[in-house]
Amino acid sequence: MTSKQQSITFVVREDEADGGFVAQAHWRDGNRDIITQGNDREDLIRNIREAIDVSFDEGESKPTLIHLHYVRDEVISR
């Protein structure tokens, strides 16, 4: 039996108040939101993997691919 790869996309924003990053994703199956943060990219990735692990029950289908979509707001003066 071939397992279907499922992906999840986290929208990543810089945390303006505390520094670092905040990542949020929505998983339609089970209608759940997954939110985590990290001080730097490596910390964020580690925390995203951990957040996915604790958000799903054992035996439940988890995403196998993780997409990170970085969003950055920038204001410039004219």
PDB file of N, CA and C in Angstrom:
ATOM      1  N   MET A   1       0.839  -1.174   0.000  1.00  0.00           N
ATOM      2  CA  MET A   1       0.000   0.000   0.000  1.00  0.00           C
ATOM      3  C   MET A   1       0.891   1.248   0.000  1.00  0.00           C
ATOM      4  N   THR A   2       0.587   2.193  -0.852  1.00  0.00           N
ATOM      5  CA  THR A   2       1.351   3.434  -0.948  1.00  0.00           C
ATOM      6  C   THR A   2       0.717   4.489  -0.055  1.00  0.00           C
ATOM      7  N   SER A   3       1.544   5.147   0.777  1.00  0.00           N
ATOM      8  CA  SER A   3       0.985   6.202   1.622  1.00  0.00           C
ATOM      9  C   SER A   3       1.040   7.523   0.872  1.00  0.00           C
ATOM     10  N   LYS A   4      -0.029   8.262   1.007  1.00  0.00           N
ATOM     11  CA  LYS A   4      -0.132   9.557   0.338  1.00  0.00           C
ATOM     12  C   LYS A   4       0.585  10.608   1.185  1.00  0.00           C
ATOM     13  N   GLN A   5       1.458  11.377   0.551  1.00  0.00           N
ATOM     14  CA  GLN A   5       2.128  12.461   1.270  1.00  0.00           C
ATOM     15  C   GLN A   5       1.162  13.615   1.429  1.00  0.00           C
ATOM     16  N   GLN A   6       1.044  14.077   2.654  1.00  0.00           N
ATOM     17  CA  GLN A   6       0.192  15.215   2.946  1.00  0.00           C
ATOM     18  C   GLN A   6       1.080  16.355   3.396  1.00  0.00           C
ATOM     19  N   SER A   7       0.741  17.555   2.952  1.00  0.00           N
ATOM     20  CA  SER A   7       1.570  18.706   3.329  1.00  0.00           C
ATOM     21  C   SER A   7       0.769  19.683   4.169  1.00  0.00           C
ATOM     22  N   ILE A   8       1.500  20.465   4.937  1.00  0.00           N
ATOM     23  CA  ILE A   8       0.921  21.520   5.755  1.00  0.00           C
ATOM     24  C   ILE A   8       1.757  22.772   5.520  1.00  0.00           C
ATOM     25  N   THR A   9       1.107  23.914   5.477  1.00  0.00           N
ATOM     26  CA  THR A   9       1.814  25.175   5.252  1.00  0.00           C
ATOM     27  C   THR A   9       1.696  26.049   6.491  1.00  0.00           C
ATOM     28  N   PHE A  10       2.848  26.446   7.015  1.00  0.00           N
ATOM     29  CA  PHE A  10       2.896  27.381   8.134  1.00  0.00           C
ATOM     30  C   PHE A  10       3.197  28.771   7.589  1.00  0.00           C
ATOM     31  N   VAL A  11       2.395  29.741   8.004  1.00  0.00           N
ATOM     32  CA  VAL A  11       2.652  31.139   7.694  1.00  0.00           C
ATOM     33  C   VAL A  11       3.548  31.651   8.818  1.00  0.00           C
ATOM     34  N   VAL A  12       4.725  32.146   8.447  1.00  0.00           N
ATOM     35  CA  VAL A  12       5.727  32.564   9.422  1.00  0.00           C
ATOM     36  C   VAL A  12       5.887  34.075   9.359  1.00  0.00           C
ATOM     37  N   ARG A  13       5.773  34.690  10.523  1.00  0.00           N
ATOM     38  CA  ARG A  13       5.944  36.144  10.635  1.00  0.00           C
ATOM     39  C   ARG A  13       6.993  36.437  11.690  1.00  0.00           C
ATOM     40  N   GLU A  14       7.680  37.558  11.518  1.00  0.00           N
ATOM     41  CA  GLU A  14       8.607  38.007  12.545  1.00  0.00           C
ATOM     42  C   GLU A  14       7.796  38.502  13.735  1.00  0.00           C
ATOM     43  N   ASP A  15       8.229  38.152  14.931  1.00  0.00           N
ATOM     44  CA  ASP A  15       7.565  38.609  16.149  1.00  0.00           C
ATOM     45  C   ASP A  15       8.135  39.970  16.511  1.00  0.00           C
ATOM     46  N   GLU A  16       7.390  41.016  16.182  1.00  0.00           N
ATOM     47  CA  GLU A  16       7.877  42.386  16.369  1.00  0.00           C
ATOM     48  C   GLU A  16       8.082  42.732  17.840  1.00  0.00           C
ATOM     49  N   ALA A  17       7.277  42.165  18.724  1.00  0.00           N
ATOM     50  CA  ALA A  17       7.359  42.506  20.144  1.00  0.00           C
ATOM     51  C   ALA A  17       8.547  41.842  20.831  1.00  0.00           C
ATOM     52  N   ASP A  18       8.757  40.562  20.565  1.00  0.00           N
ATOM     53  CA  ASP A  18       9.775  39.805  21.296  1.00  0.00           C
ATOM     54  C   ASP A  18      10.955  39.361  20.441  1.00  0.00           C
ATOM     55  N   GLY A  19      10.893  39.602  19.132  1.00  0.00           N
ATOM     56  CA  GLY A  19      11.923  39.088  18.236  1.00  0.00           C
ATOM     57  C   GLY A  19      11.623  37.630  17.898  1.00  0.00           C
ATOM     58  N   GLY A  20      12.398  37.057  17.037  1.00  0.00           N
ATOM     59  CA  GLY A  20      12.156  35.672  16.637  1.00  0.00           C
ATOM     60  C   GLY A  20      11.022  35.567  15.635  1.00  0.00           C
ATOM     61  N   PHE A  21      10.385  34.393  15.605  1.00  0.00           N
ATOM     62  CA  PHE A  21       9.357  34.108  14.615  1.00  0.00           C
ATOM     63  C   PHE A  21       8.145  33.450  15.270  1.00  0.00           C
ATOM     64  N   VAL A  22       6.983  33.666  14.663  1.00  0.00           N
ATOM     65  CA  VAL A  22       5.749  32.989  15.045  1.00  0.00           C
ATOM     66  C   VAL A  22       5.232  32.287  13.803  1.00  0.00           C
ATOM     67  N   ALA A  23       4.829  31.022  13.945  1.00  0.00           N
ATOM     68  CA  ALA A  23       4.336  30.241  12.810  1.00  0.00           C
ATOM     69  C   ALA A  23       2.952  29.702  13.136  1.00  0.00           C
ATOM     70  N   GLN A  24       2.054  29.760  12.153  1.00  0.00           N
ATOM     71  CA  GLN A  24       0.696  29.281  12.344  1.00  0.00           C
ATOM     72  C   GLN A  24       0.243  28.518  11.109  1.00  0.00           C
ATOM     73  N   ALA A  25      -0.443  27.406  11.358  1.00  0.00           N
ATOM     74  CA  ALA A  25      -0.993  26.603  10.264  1.00  0.00           C
ATOM     75  C   ALA A  25      -2.376  26.111  10.659  1.00  0.00           C
ATOM     76  N   HIS A  26      -3.196  25.818   9.654  1.00  0.00           N
ATOM     77  CA  HIS A  26      -4.513  25.227   9.892  1.00  0.00           C
ATOM     78  C   HIS A  26      -4.555  23.870   9.211  1.00  0.00           C
ATOM     79  N   TRP A  27      -4.983  22.858   9.949  1.00  0.00           N
ATOM     80  CA  TRP A  27      -5.114  21.503   9.413  1.00  0.00           C
ATOM     81  C   TRP A  27      -6.603  21.206   9.327  1.00  0.00           C
ATOM     82  N   ARG A  28      -7.096  21.054   8.085  1.00  0.00           N
ATOM     83  CA  ARG A  28      -8.539  20.870   7.869  1.00  0.00           C
ATOM     84  C   ARG A  28      -9.070  19.605   8.527  1.00  0.00           C
ATOM     85  N   ASP A  29      -8.324  18.497   8.402  1.00  0.00           N
ATOM     86  CA  ASP A  29      -8.762  17.255   9.032  1.00  0.00           C
ATOM     87  C   ASP A  29      -8.703  17.440  10.542  1.00  0.00           C
ATOM     88  N   GLY A  30      -9.820  17.412  11.186  1.00  0.00           N
ATOM     89  CA  GLY A  30      -9.856  17.648  12.621  1.00  0.00           C
ATOM     90  C   GLY A  30     -10.028  19.112  12.970  1.00  0.00           C
ATOM     91  N   ASN A  31     -10.035  19.974  11.957  1.00  0.00           N
ATOM     92  CA  ASN A  31     -10.242  21.416  12.133  1.00  0.00           C
ATOM     93  C   ASN A  31      -9.399  21.977  13.287  1.00  0.00           C
ATOM     94  N   ARG A  32      -8.079  21.874  13.143  1.00  0.00           N
ATOM     95  CA  ARG A  32      -7.197  22.341  14.216  1.00  0.00           C
ATOM     96  C   ARG A  32      -6.203  23.365  13.705  1.00  0.00           C
ATOM     97  N   ASP A  33      -5.869  24.294  14.585  1.00  0.00           N
ATOM     98  CA  ASP A  33      -4.824  25.281  14.308  1.00  0.00           C
ATOM     99  C   ASP A  33      -3.584  24.885  15.099  1.00  0.00           C
ATOM    100  N   ILE A  34      -2.445  25.039  14.469  1.00  0.00           N
ATOM    101  CA  ILE A  34      -1.172  24.742  15.114  1.00  0.00           C
ATOM    102  C   ILE A  34      -0.363  26.032  15.112  1.00  0.00           C
ATOM    103  N   ILE A  35       0.028  26.485  16.304  1.00  0.00           N
ATOM    104  CA  ILE A  35       0.775  27.733  16.450  1.00  0.00           C
ATOM    105  C   ILE A  35       1.997  27.465  17.312  1.00  0.00           C
ATOM    106  N   THR A  36       3.135  27.989  16.891  1.00  0.00           N
ATOM    107  CA  THR A  36       4.358  27.856  17.667  1.00  0.00           C
ATOM    108  C   THR A  36       5.262  29.039  17.376  1.00  0.00           C
ATOM    109  N   GLN A  37       6.382  29.096  18.052  1.00  0.00           N
ATOM    110  CA  GLN A  37       7.327  30.193  17.843  1.00  0.00           C
ATOM    111  C   GLN A  37       8.743  29.690  18.040  1.00  0.00           C
ATOM    112  N   GLY A  38       9.708  30.514  17.643  1.00  0.00           N
ATOM    113  CA  GLY A  38      11.112  30.186  17.819  1.00  0.00           C
ATOM    114  C   GLY A  38      11.958  31.439  17.802  1.00  0.00           C
ATOM    115  N   ASN A  39      13.072  31.385  18.495  1.00  0.00           N
ATOM    116  CA  ASN A  39      13.976  32.540  18.564  1.00  0.00           C
ATOM    117  C   ASN A  39      14.725  32.769  17.261  1.00  0.00           C
ATOM    118  N   ASP A  40      14.998  31.681  16.523  1.00  0.00           N
ATOM    119  CA  ASP A  40      15.670  31.760  15.222  1.00  0.00           C
ATOM    120  C   ASP A  40      15.108  30.657  14.336  1.00  0.00           C
ATOM    121  N   ARG A  41      15.595  30.558  13.108  1.00  0.00           N
ATOM    122  CA  ARG A  41      15.045  29.599  12.140  1.00  0.00           C
ATOM    123  C   ARG A  41      15.158  28.167  12.642  1.00  0.00           C
ATOM    124  N   GLU A  42      16.300  27.785  13.172  1.00  0.00           N
ATOM    125  CA  GLU A  42      16.510  26.417  13.631  1.00  0.00           C
ATOM    126  C   GLU A  42      15.572  26.078  14.795  1.00  0.00           C
ATOM    127  N   ASP A  43      15.442  27.014  15.721  1.00  0.00           N
ATOM    128  CA  ASP A  43      14.543  26.835  16.858  1.00  0.00           C
ATOM    129  C   ASP A  43      13.101  26.718  16.377  1.00  0.00           C
ATOM    130  N   LEU A  44      12.729  27.540  15.411  1.00  0.00           N
ATOM    131  CA  LEU A  44      11.377  27.512  14.859  1.00  0.00           C
ATOM    132  C   LEU A  44      11.082  26.156  14.221  1.00  0.00           C
ATOM    133  N   ILE A  45      11.986  25.658  13.407  1.00  0.00           N
ATOM    134  CA  ILE A  45      11.777  24.369  12.737  1.00  0.00           C
ATOM    135  C   ILE A  45      11.635  23.245  13.757  1.00  0.00           C
ATOM    136  N   ARG A  46      12.485  23.240  14.760  1.00  0.00           N
ATOM    137  CA  ARG A  46      12.409  22.230  15.815  1.00  0.00           C
ATOM    138  C   ARG A  46      11.046  22.306  16.519  1.00  0.00           C
ATOM    139  N   ASN A  47      10.588  23.528  16.821  1.00  0.00           N
ATOM    140  CA  ASN A  47       9.313  23.701  17.506  1.00  0.00           C
ATOM    141  C   ASN A  47       8.119  23.365  16.626  1.00  0.00           C
ATOM    142  N   ILE A  48       8.224  23.604  15.318  1.00  0.00           N
ATOM    143  CA  ILE A  48       7.147  23.216  14.396  1.00  0.00           C
ATOM    144  C   ILE A  48       7.010  21.700  14.380  1.00  0.00           C
ATOM    145  N   ARG A  49       8.118  20.994  14.273  1.00  0.00           N
ATOM    146  CA  ARG A  49       8.060  19.513  14.271  1.00  0.00           C
ATOM    147  C   ARG A  49       7.450  18.996  15.573  1.00  0.00           C
ATOM    148  N   GLU A  50       7.853  19.591  16.689  1.00  0.00           N
ATOM    149  CA  GLU A  50       7.315  19.179  17.982  1.00  0.00           C
ATOM    150  C   GLU A  50       5.824  19.492  18.076  1.00  0.00           C
ATOM    151  N   ALA A  51       5.412  20.673  17.596  1.00  0.00           N
ATOM    152  CA  ALA A  51       3.997  21.056  17.638  1.00  0.00           C
ATOM    153  C   ALA A  51       3.146  20.097  16.810  1.00  0.00           C
ATOM    154  N   ILE A  52       3.658  19.676  15.673  1.00  0.00           N
ATOM    155  CA  ILE A  52       2.920  18.705  14.851  1.00  0.00           C
ATOM    156  C   ILE A  52       2.806  17.385  15.599  1.00  0.00           C
ATOM    157  N   ASP A  53       3.889  16.931  16.203  1.00  0.00           N
ATOM    158  CA  ASP A  53       3.865  15.656  16.931  1.00  0.00           C
ATOM    159  C   ASP A  53       2.837  15.650  18.053  1.00  0.00           C
ATOM    160  N   VAL A  54       2.731  16.745  18.807  1.00  0.00           N
ATOM    161  CA  VAL A  54       1.796  16.768  19.939  1.00  0.00           C
ATOM    162  C   VAL A  54       0.367  17.119  19.517  1.00  0.00           C
ATOM    163  N   SER A  55       0.170  17.583  18.296  1.00  0.00           N
ATOM    164  CA  SER A  55      -1.164  17.972  17.828  1.00  0.00           C
ATOM    165  C   SER A  55      -1.950  16.803  17.255  1.00  0.00           C
ATOM    166  N   PHE A  56      -1.289  15.681  17.036  1.00  0.00           N
ATOM    167  CA  PHE A  56      -1.945  14.522  16.441  1.00  0.00           C
ATOM    168  C   PHE A  56      -1.847  13.331  17.378  1.00  0.00           C
ATOM    169  N   ASP A  57      -2.939  12.584  17.471  1.00  0.00           N
ATOM    170  CA  ASP A  57      -2.939  11.373  18.276  1.00  0.00           C
ATOM    171  C   ASP A  57      -2.154  10.276  17.561  1.00  0.00           C
ATOM    172  N   GLU A  58      -1.676   9.311  18.333  1.00  0.00           N
ATOM    173  CA  GLU A  58      -0.949   8.181  17.748  1.00  0.00           C
ATOM    174  C   GLU A  58      -1.878   7.442  16.798  1.00  0.00           C
ATOM    175  N   GLY A  59      -1.365   7.100  15.649  1.00  0.00           N
ATOM    176  CA  GLY A  59      -2.153   6.417  14.633  1.00  0.00           C
ATOM    177  C   GLY A  59      -2.909   7.354  13.711  1.00  0.00           C
ATOM    178  N   GLU A  60      -2.998   8.611  14.076  1.00  0.00           N
ATOM    179  CA  GLU A  60      -3.671   9.602  13.238  1.00  0.00           C
ATOM    180  C   GLU A  60      -2.722  10.039  12.124  1.00  0.00           C
ATOM    181  N   SER A  61      -3.264  10.266  10.952  1.00  0.00           N
ATOM    182  CA  SER A  61      -2.450  10.695   9.809  1.00  0.00           C
ATOM    183  C   SER A  61      -1.904  12.097  10.041  1.00  0.00           C
ATOM    184  N   LYS A  62      -0.569  12.242   9.946  1.00  0.00           N
ATOM    185  CA  LYS A  62       0.110  13.534  10.123  1.00  0.00           C
ATOM    186  C   LYS A  62       0.645  14.015   8.777  1.00  0.00           C
ATOM    187  N   PRO A  63       0.846  15.325   8.644  1.00  0.00           N
ATOM    188  CA  PRO A  63       1.484  15.819   7.419  1.00  0.00           C
ATOM    189  C   PRO A  63       2.917  15.299   7.327  1.00  0.00           C
ATOM    190  N   THR A  64       3.322  14.990   6.112  1.00  0.00           N
ATOM    191  CA  THR A  64       4.680  14.476   5.891  1.00  0.00           C
ATOM    192  C   THR A  64       5.596  15.540   5.296  1.00  0.00           C
ATOM    193  N   LEU A  65       5.020  16.581   4.740  1.00  0.00           N
ATOM    194  CA  LEU A  65       5.798  17.694   4.192  1.00  0.00           C
ATOM    195  C   LEU A  65       5.367  18.977   4.886  1.00  0.00           C
ATOM    196  N   ILE A  66       6.349  19.794   5.257  1.00  0.00           N
ATOM    197  CA  ILE A  66       6.073  21.055   5.936  1.00  0.00           C
ATOM    198  C   ILE A  66       6.575  22.200   5.058  1.00  0.00           C
ATOM    199  N   HIS A  67       5.665  23.086   4.679  1.00  0.00           N
ATOM    200  CA  HIS A  67       6.021  24.274   3.908  1.00  0.00           C
ATOM    201  C   HIS A  67       6.066  25.462   4.861  1.00  0.00           C
ATOM    202  N   LEU A  68       7.086  26.287   4.720  1.00  0.00           N
ATOM    203  CA  LEU A  68       7.180  27.514   5.496  1.00  0.00           C
ATOM    204  C   LEU A  68       7.011  28.690   4.544  1.00  0.00           C
ATOM    205  N   HIS A  69       5.985  29.485   4.781  1.00  0.00           N
ATOM    206  CA  HIS A  69       5.714  30.662   3.955  1.00  0.00           C
ATOM    207  C   HIS A  69       6.024  31.886   4.806  1.00  0.00           C
ATOM    208  N   TYR A  70       7.143  32.522   4.526  1.00  0.00           N
ATOM    209  CA  TYR A  70       7.575  33.692   5.300  1.00  0.00           C
ATOM    210  C   TYR A  70       6.879  34.945   4.797  1.00  0.00           C
ATOM    211  N   VAL A  71       6.287  35.696   5.720  1.00  0.00           N
ATOM    212  CA  VAL A  71       5.600  36.941   5.406  1.00  0.00           C
ATOM    213  C   VAL A  71       6.305  38.046   6.176  1.00  0.00           C
ATOM    214  N   ARG A  72       6.641  39.082   5.474  1.00  0.00           N
ATOM    215  CA  ARG A  72       7.327  40.195   6.124  1.00  0.00           C
ATOM    216  C   ARG A  72       6.649  41.497   5.738  1.00  0.00           C
ATOM    217  N   ASP A  73       6.290  42.265   6.739  1.00  0.00           N
ATOM    218  CA  ASP A  73       5.726  43.587   6.503  1.00  0.00           C
ATOM    219  C   ASP A  73       6.852  44.604   6.584  1.00  0.00           C
ATOM    220  N   GLU A  74       6.849  45.526   5.656  1.00  0.00           N
ATOM    221  CA  GLU A  74       7.883  46.561   5.648  1.00  0.00           C
ATOM    222  C   GLU A  74       7.224  47.897   5.329  1.00  0.00           C
ATOM    223  N   VAL A  75       7.576  48.888   6.095  1.00  0.00           N
ATOM    224  CA  VAL A  75       7.057  50.235   5.878  1.00  0.00           C
ATOM    225  C   VAL A  75       8.229  51.133   5.514  1.00  0.00           C
ATOM    226  N   ILE A  76       8.070  51.858   4.440  1.00  0.00           N
ATOM    227  CA  ILE A  76       9.121  52.799   4.023  1.00  0.00           C
ATOM    228  C   ILE A  76       8.490  54.178   3.888  1.00  0.00           C
ATOM    229  N   SER A  77       9.288  55.186   4.116  1.00  0.00           N
ATOM    230  CA  SER A  77       8.759  56.532   3.938  1.00  0.00           C
ATOM    231  C   SER A  77       9.025  56.980   2.509  1.00  0.00           C
ATOM    232  N   ARG A  78       8.246  57.869   2.062  1.00  0.00           N
ATOM    233  CA  ARG A  78       8.355  58.363   0.703  1.00  0.00           C
ATOM    234  C   ARG A  78       9.297  59.458   0.611  1.00  0.00           C
TER     235      ARG A  78
END
